[in-house]
């Protein structure tokens, strides 16, 4: 199997999925196509390059069997201004702090399970053109596990899009008054492969088997 950039994500419940799709459609109407706008609604847990995705899926299925579906609260909108990887404004649904320990524990388990399978050189090279924009902590994370946002530095979120600064004002003006639902529910993991910038779904993995 050829080397591929792939990522594991959490699949939101139908209500939040529909909300995110509507918000993404509003971005397209107001500002045209933007980075990540066409991605399916999800919460990215980990991304790396893998040569054998069948091994990745096998390990993820074993891991997921030990986790039950879970719920959490959302705090509304959050904006990653001048996102260090995109240089744009990334609009996301912010997750309440009460849910962060569980999500970070899940990410840690995912990293333990599949980070050793990554292609180190290709995964590291993904961040080369934005290396100086990463903090030393995030550079160290790339070098050690292949992903810059881990542990307490990881702020899990559900993204709408990463929007060019010149296109940002009308989007924010239109969406700021329509906050996300107050809760989210997670019952599935999804494994995606990137075809350029387009996520291709490879597997749906239920939590709890």
C-alpha atoms as a PDB file:
ATOM      1  CA  UNK A   1       0.000   0.000   0.000  1.00  0.00           C
ATOM      2  CA  UNK A   2       1.341   3.447  -0.885  1.00  0.00           C
ATOM      3  CA  UNK A   3       2.211   6.022   1.740  1.00  0.00           C
ATOM      4  CA  UNK A   4      -0.773   8.190   2.667  1.00  0.00           C
ATOM      5  CA  UNK A   5      -1.561  11.075   4.986  1.00  0.00           C
ATOM      6  CA  UNK A   6      -4.427   9.831   7.130  1.00  0.00           C
ATOM      7  CA  UNK A   7      -6.258  10.920  10.226  1.00  0.00           C
ATOM      8  CA  UNK A   8      -8.504   9.572  12.942  1.00  0.00           C
ATOM      9  CA  UNK A   9     -11.569  11.622  13.859  1.00  0.00           C
ATOM     10  CA  UNK A  10     -14.560  11.520  16.171  1.00  0.00           C
ATOM     11  CA  UNK A  11     -17.945  11.590  14.453  1.00  0.00           C
ATOM     12  CA  UNK A  12     -20.458  14.025  16.008  1.00  0.00           C
ATOM     13  CA  UNK A  13     -24.114  13.173  16.583  1.00  0.00           C
ATOM     14  CA  UNK A  14     -26.715  13.975  13.886  1.00  0.00           C
ATOM     15  CA  UNK A  15     -27.808  17.301  15.432  1.00  0.00           C
ATOM     16  CA  UNK A  16     -24.295  18.719  15.594  1.00  0.00           C
ATOM     17  CA  UNK A  17     -23.442  17.233  12.196  1.00  0.00           C
ATOM     18  CA  UNK A  18     -26.388  19.032  10.619  1.00  0.00           C
ATOM     19  CA  UNK A  19     -25.484  22.293  12.382  1.00  0.00           C
ATOM     20  CA  UNK A  20     -21.902  22.113  11.088  1.00  0.00           C
ATOM     21  CA  UNK A  21     -23.055  21.333   7.559  1.00  0.00           C
ATOM     22  CA  UNK A  22     -25.357  24.341   7.598  1.00  0.00           C
ATOM     23  CA  UNK A  23     -22.548  26.572   8.894  1.00  0.00           C
ATOM     24  CA  UNK A  24     -20.229  25.267   6.187  1.00  0.00           C
ATOM     25  CA  UNK A  25     -22.876  26.052   3.557  1.00  0.00           C
ATOM     26  CA  UNK A  26     -23.171  29.603   4.926  1.00  0.00           C
ATOM     27  CA  UNK A  27     -19.408  30.051   4.627  1.00  0.00           C
ATOM     28  CA  UNK A  28     -19.553  28.972   0.972  1.00  0.00           C
ATOM     29  CA  UNK A  29     -22.379  31.423   0.255  1.00  0.00           C
ATOM     30  CA  UNK A  30     -20.691  34.325   2.050  1.00  0.00           C
ATOM     31  CA  UNK A  31     -17.014  33.803   1.225  1.00  0.00           C
ATOM     32  CA  UNK A  32     -16.652  31.109  -1.415  1.00  0.00           C
ATOM     33  CA  UNK A  33     -14.612  27.976  -0.909  1.00  0.00           C
ATOM     34  CA  UNK A  34     -12.331  28.032   2.117  1.00  0.00           C
ATOM     35  CA  UNK A  35      -9.852  25.587   3.613  1.00  0.00           C
ATOM     36  CA  UNK A  36     -11.549  22.595   5.319  1.00  0.00           C
ATOM     37  CA  UNK A  37     -15.012  23.940   4.454  1.00  0.00           C
ATOM     38  CA  UNK A  38     -15.900  20.900   2.352  1.00  0.00           C
ATOM     39  CA  UNK A  39     -14.593  18.401   4.921  1.00  0.00           C
ATOM     40  CA  UNK A  40     -17.224  16.208   6.582  1.00  0.00           C
ATOM     41  CA  UNK A  41     -18.032  17.342  10.139  1.00  0.00           C
ATOM     42  CA  UNK A  42     -15.563  15.738  12.533  1.00  0.00           C
ATOM     43  CA  UNK A  43     -13.138  16.242  15.419  1.00  0.00           C
ATOM     44  CA  UNK A  44      -9.561  15.412  14.440  1.00  0.00           C
ATOM     45  CA  UNK A  45      -7.711  13.324  17.033  1.00  0.00           C
ATOM     46  CA  UNK A  46      -4.459  12.453  15.263  1.00  0.00           C
ATOM     47  CA  UNK A  47      -2.898  12.728  11.797  1.00  0.00           C
ATOM     48  CA  UNK A  48       0.172  11.102  10.307  1.00  0.00           C
ATOM     49  CA  UNK A  49       1.503   9.313   7.222  1.00  0.00           C
ATOM     50  CA  UNK A  50       1.109   5.538   7.144  1.00  0.00           C
ATOM     51  CA  UNK A  51       2.262   2.892   4.685  1.00  0.00           C
ATOM     52  CA  UNK A  52      -0.169   0.202   5.882  1.00  0.00           C
ATOM     53  CA  UNK A  53      -3.602   1.506   6.869  1.00  0.00           C
ATOM     54  CA  UNK A  54      -4.921  -2.006   7.489  1.00  0.00           C
ATOM     55  CA  UNK A  55      -2.663  -2.217  10.551  1.00  0.00           C
ATOM     56  CA  UNK A  56      -3.862   1.197  11.673  1.00  0.00           C
ATOM     57  CA  UNK A  57      -7.506   0.145  11.377  1.00  0.00           C
ATOM     58  CA  UNK A  58      -6.890  -3.119  13.247  1.00  0.00           C
ATOM     59  CA  UNK A  59      -5.312  -1.297  16.182  1.00  0.00           C
ATOM     60  CA  UNK A  60      -8.045   1.337  16.240  1.00  0.00           C
ATOM     61  CA  UNK A  61     -10.790  -1.295  16.332  1.00  0.00           C
ATOM     62  CA  UNK A  62      -9.117  -2.978  19.278  1.00  0.00           C
ATOM     63  CA  UNK A  63      -8.777   0.361  21.061  1.00  0.00           C
ATOM     64  CA  UNK A  64     -12.388   1.418  20.355  1.00  0.00           C
ATOM     65  CA  UNK A  65     -13.767  -1.749  21.908  1.00  0.00           C
ATOM     66  CA  UNK A  66     -12.524  -0.505  25.299  1.00  0.00           C
ATOM     67  CA  UNK A  67     -14.274   2.883  25.036  1.00  0.00           C
ATOM     68  CA  UNK A  68     -17.976   3.577  25.513  1.00  0.00           C
ATOM     69  CA  UNK A  69     -19.944   6.303  23.688  1.00  0.00           C
ATOM     70  CA  UNK A  70     -19.798   9.590  25.579  1.00  0.00           C
ATOM     71  CA  UNK A  71     -21.303  13.066  25.691  1.00  0.00           C
ATOM     72  CA  UNK A  72     -20.063  16.534  26.555  1.00  0.00           C
ATOM     73  CA  UNK A  73     -21.000  20.196  26.491  1.00  0.00           C
ATOM     74  CA  UNK A  74     -20.171  22.863  23.932  1.00  0.00           C
ATOM     75  CA  UNK A  75     -19.328  26.437  24.973  1.00  0.00           C
ATOM     76  CA  UNK A  76     -20.175  28.160  21.704  1.00  0.00           C
ATOM     77  CA  UNK A  77     -17.916  29.522  18.981  1.00  0.00           C
ATOM     78  CA  UNK A  78     -14.161  29.872  19.208  1.00  0.00           C
ATOM     79  CA  UNK A  79     -11.781  31.381  16.668  1.00  0.00           C
ATOM     80  CA  UNK A  80      -8.163  30.338  16.202  1.00  0.00           C
ATOM     81  CA  UNK A  81      -6.983  33.671  14.817  1.00  0.00           C
ATOM     82  CA  UNK A  82      -3.989  33.450  12.498  1.00  0.00           C
ATOM     83  CA  UNK A  83      -3.995  29.660  12.848  1.00  0.00           C
ATOM     84  CA  UNK A  84      -0.340  28.544  13.060  1.00  0.00           C
ATOM     85  CA  UNK A  85      -0.789  25.924  10.337  1.00  0.00           C
ATOM     86  CA  UNK A  86      -3.090  27.783   7.930  1.00  0.00           C
ATOM     87  CA  UNK A  87      -2.364  31.501   8.660  1.00  0.00           C
ATOM     88  CA  UNK A  88      -6.170  31.973   8.438  1.00  0.00           C
ATOM     89  CA  UNK A  89      -8.966  32.372  10.987  1.00  0.00           C
ATOM     90  CA  UNK A  90     -10.296  28.942  11.877  1.00  0.00           C
ATOM     91  CA  UNK A  91     -13.888  28.921  13.152  1.00  0.00           C
ATOM     92  CA  UNK A  92     -14.703  26.040  15.505  1.00  0.00           C
ATOM     93  CA  UNK A  93     -17.216  24.848  18.085  1.00  0.00           C
ATOM     94  CA  UNK A  94     -15.488  25.032  21.458  1.00  0.00           C
ATOM     95  CA  UNK A  95     -15.740  22.067  23.821  1.00  0.00           C
ATOM     96  CA  UNK A  96     -16.326  22.695  27.519  1.00  0.00           C
ATOM     97  CA  UNK A  97     -13.362  22.069  29.795  1.00  0.00           C
ATOM     98  CA  UNK A  98     -15.192  19.264  31.656  1.00  0.00           C
ATOM     99  CA  UNK A  99     -14.909  17.023  28.579  1.00  0.00           C
ATOM    100  CA  UNK A 100     -11.239  17.712  27.891  1.00  0.00           C
ATOM    101  CA  UNK A 101      -9.682  15.121  30.252  1.00  0.00           C
ATOM    102  CA  UNK A 102     -11.645  12.288  28.625  1.00  0.00           C
ATOM    103  CA  UNK A 103     -10.846  13.462  25.099  1.00  0.00           C
ATOM    104  CA  UNK A 104      -7.171  13.878  25.922  1.00  0.00           C
ATOM    105  CA  UNK A 105      -7.109  10.408  27.463  1.00  0.00           C
ATOM    106  CA  UNK A 106      -8.596   9.013  24.252  1.00  0.00           C
ATOM    107  CA  UNK A 107      -6.038  10.873  22.156  1.00  0.00           C
ATOM    108  CA  UNK A 108      -3.235   9.504  24.306  1.00  0.00           C
ATOM    109  CA  UNK A 109      -4.521   5.969  23.786  1.00  0.00           C
ATOM    110  CA  UNK A 110      -4.740   6.554  20.028  1.00  0.00           C
ATOM    111  CA  UNK A 111      -1.185   7.866  19.908  1.00  0.00           C
ATOM    112  CA  UNK A 112       0.111   4.908  21.887  1.00  0.00           C
ATOM    113  CA  UNK A 113      -1.674   2.539  19.505  1.00  0.00           C
ATOM    114  CA  UNK A 114      -0.877   3.958  16.064  1.00  0.00           C
ATOM    115  CA  UNK A 115       1.885   6.595  16.253  1.00  0.00           C
ATOM    116  CA  UNK A 116       4.574   3.855  16.163  1.00  0.00           C
ATOM    117  CA  UNK A 117       3.170   2.798  12.755  1.00  0.00           C
ATOM    118  CA  UNK A 118       3.724   6.192  11.145  1.00  0.00           C
ATOM    119  CA  UNK A 119       6.352   7.015   8.546  1.00  0.00           C
ATOM    120  CA  UNK A 120       8.524   9.368  10.600  1.00  0.00           C
ATOM    121  CA  UNK A 121      10.129  11.283   7.718  1.00  0.00           C
ATOM    122  CA  UNK A 122       6.929  11.941   5.760  1.00  0.00           C
ATOM    123  CA  UNK A 123       4.967  12.883   8.869  1.00  0.00           C
ATOM    124  CA  UNK A 124       7.656  15.313  10.020  1.00  0.00           C
ATOM    125  CA  UNK A 125       7.970  16.825   6.543  1.00  0.00           C
ATOM    126  CA  UNK A 126       4.265  17.742   6.554  1.00  0.00           C
ATOM    127  CA  UNK A 127       5.046  20.589   8.971  1.00  0.00           C
ATOM    128  CA  UNK A 128       8.303  21.778   7.412  1.00  0.00           C
ATOM    129  CA  UNK A 129       6.927  24.927   5.772  1.00  0.00           C
ATOM    130  CA  UNK A 130       5.263  26.069   9.027  1.00  0.00           C
ATOM    131  CA  UNK A 131       7.928  24.769  11.415  1.00  0.00           C
ATOM    132  CA  UNK A 132       8.969  28.186  12.722  1.00  0.00           C
ATOM    133  CA  UNK A 133       5.328  29.040  13.478  1.00  0.00           C
ATOM    134  CA  UNK A 134       5.090  26.111  15.892  1.00  0.00           C
ATOM    135  CA  UNK A 135       6.007  26.555  19.538  1.00  0.00           C
ATOM    136  CA  UNK A 136       8.934  24.495  20.871  1.00  0.00           C
ATOM    137  CA  UNK A 137       6.380  22.283  22.621  1.00  0.00           C
ATOM    138  CA  UNK A 138       4.603  21.570  19.334  1.00  0.00           C
ATOM    139  CA  UNK A 139       7.860  20.981  17.492  1.00  0.00           C
ATOM    140  CA  UNK A 140       8.778  18.446  20.167  1.00  0.00           C
ATOM    141  CA  UNK A 141       5.381  16.758  19.756  1.00  0.00           C
ATOM    142  CA  UNK A 142       5.925  16.387  16.002  1.00  0.00           C
ATOM    143  CA  UNK A 143       9.327  14.865  16.617  1.00  0.00           C
ATOM    144  CA  UNK A 144       8.130  12.474  19.325  1.00  0.00           C
ATOM    145  CA  UNK A 145       4.677  11.357  18.099  1.00  0.00           C
ATOM    146  CA  UNK A 146       4.186  13.032  14.706  1.00  0.00           C
ATOM    147  CA  UNK A 147       1.358  15.445  15.575  1.00  0.00           C
ATOM    148  CA  UNK A 148       1.838  18.978  16.980  1.00  0.00           C
ATOM    149  CA  UNK A 149      -1.259  19.253  19.170  1.00  0.00           C
ATOM    150  CA  UNK A 150      -1.224  16.705  21.989  1.00  0.00           C
ATOM    151  CA  UNK A 151      -1.891  16.418  25.712  1.00  0.00           C
ATOM    152  CA  UNK A 152      -2.832  19.592  27.566  1.00  0.00           C
ATOM    153  CA  UNK A 153      -1.799  21.663  24.528  1.00  0.00           C
ATOM    154  CA  UNK A 154      -4.537  20.019  22.441  1.00  0.00           C
ATOM    155  CA  UNK A 155      -7.816  21.953  22.315  1.00  0.00           C
ATOM    156  CA  UNK A 156     -10.227  19.477  20.710  1.00  0.00           C
ATOM    157  CA  UNK A 157     -12.905  21.137  18.601  1.00  0.00           C
ATOM    158  CA  UNK A 158     -15.331  20.715  15.713  1.00  0.00           C
ATOM    159  CA  UNK A 159     -14.190  22.874  12.773  1.00  0.00           C
ATOM    160  CA  UNK A 160     -16.303  24.775  10.263  1.00  0.00           C
ATOM    161  CA  UNK A 161     -13.532  26.196   8.047  1.00  0.00           C
ATOM    162  CA  UNK A 162     -10.247  28.079   8.047  1.00  0.00           C
ATOM    163  CA  UNK A 163     -11.054  31.403   6.423  1.00  0.00           C
ATOM    164  CA  UNK A 164      -8.860  33.958   4.672  1.00  0.00           C
ATOM    165  CA  UNK A 165      -8.603  37.190   6.714  1.00  0.00           C
ATOM    166  CA  UNK A 166     -10.108  39.314   3.932  1.00  0.00           C
ATOM    167  CA  UNK A 167     -13.126  36.975   3.745  1.00  0.00           C
ATOM    168  CA  UNK A 168     -13.564  36.682   7.506  1.00  0.00           C
ATOM    169  CA  UNK A 169     -15.727  39.721   8.514  1.00  0.00           C
ATOM    170  CA  UNK A 170     -18.974  38.781   6.712  1.00  0.00           C
ATOM    171  CA  UNK A 171     -18.703  35.164   7.842  1.00  0.00           C
ATOM    172  CA  UNK A 172     -18.267  36.084  11.493  1.00  0.00           C
ATOM    173  CA  UNK A 173     -21.000  38.708  11.326  1.00  0.00           C
ATOM    174  CA  UNK A 174     -23.440  36.141   9.935  1.00  0.00           C
ATOM    175  CA  UNK A 175     -22.591  33.203  12.218  1.00  0.00           C
ATOM    176  CA  UNK A 176     -21.673  34.765  15.546  1.00  0.00           C
ATOM    177  CA  UNK A 177     -25.330  35.141  16.564  1.00  0.00           C
ATOM    178  CA  UNK A 178     -26.147  31.486  15.847  1.00  0.00           C
ATOM    179  CA  UNK A 179     -24.240  29.436  18.428  1.00  0.00           C
ATOM    180  CA  UNK A 180     -23.758  25.670  18.198  1.00  0.00           C
ATOM    181  CA  UNK A 181     -25.948  23.213  20.118  1.00  0.00           C
ATOM    182  CA  UNK A 182     -25.198  23.034  23.831  1.00  0.00           C
ATOM    183  CA  UNK A 183     -24.144  19.366  23.798  1.00  0.00           C
ATOM    184  CA  UNK A 184     -22.425  16.773  21.629  1.00  0.00           C
ATOM    185  CA  UNK A 185     -22.457  12.985  21.613  1.00  0.00           C
ATOM    186  CA  UNK A 186     -19.780  10.669  20.230  1.00  0.00           C
ATOM    187  CA  UNK A 187     -20.394   7.021  19.373  1.00  0.00           C
ATOM    188  CA  UNK A 188     -18.037   6.459  16.424  1.00  0.00           C
ATOM    189  CA  UNK A 189     -14.481   6.902  15.279  1.00  0.00           C
ATOM    190  CA  UNK A 190     -13.730   7.432  11.598  1.00  0.00           C
ATOM    191  CA  UNK A 191     -10.508   6.758   9.735  1.00  0.00           C
ATOM    192  CA  UNK A 192      -9.833   9.011   6.741  1.00  0.00           C
ATOM    193  CA  UNK A 193      -7.137   9.104   4.072  1.00  0.00           C
ATOM    194  CA  UNK A 194      -6.292  12.455   2.487  1.00  0.00           C
ATOM    195  CA  UNK A 195      -6.397  12.689  -1.293  1.00  0.00           C
ATOM    196  CA  UNK A 196      -4.630  16.036  -1.557  1.00  0.00           C
ATOM    197  CA  UNK A 197      -6.817  18.081   0.782  1.00  0.00           C
ATOM    198  CA  UNK A 198      -9.912  15.888   0.377  1.00  0.00           C
ATOM    199  CA  UNK A 199     -10.721  13.385   3.163  1.00  0.00           C
ATOM    200  CA  UNK A 200     -11.694   9.932   1.909  1.00  0.00           C
ATOM    201  CA  UNK A 201     -13.507   7.846   4.512  1.00  0.00           C
ATOM    202  CA  UNK A 202     -11.926   4.421   4.980  1.00  0.00           C
ATOM    203  CA  UNK A 203     -13.616   2.992   8.064  1.00  0.00           C
ATOM    204  CA  UNK A 204     -16.306   3.687  10.647  1.00  0.00           C
ATOM    205  CA  UNK A 205     -15.453   2.196  14.033  1.00  0.00           C
ATOM    206  CA  UNK A 206     -18.113   2.114  16.767  1.00  0.00           C
ATOM    207  CA  UNK A 207     -17.066   2.802  20.321  1.00  0.00           C
ATOM    208  CA  UNK A 208     -17.691  -0.172  22.560  1.00  0.00           C
ATOM    209  CA  UNK A 209     -17.480  -2.595  19.640  1.00  0.00           C
END
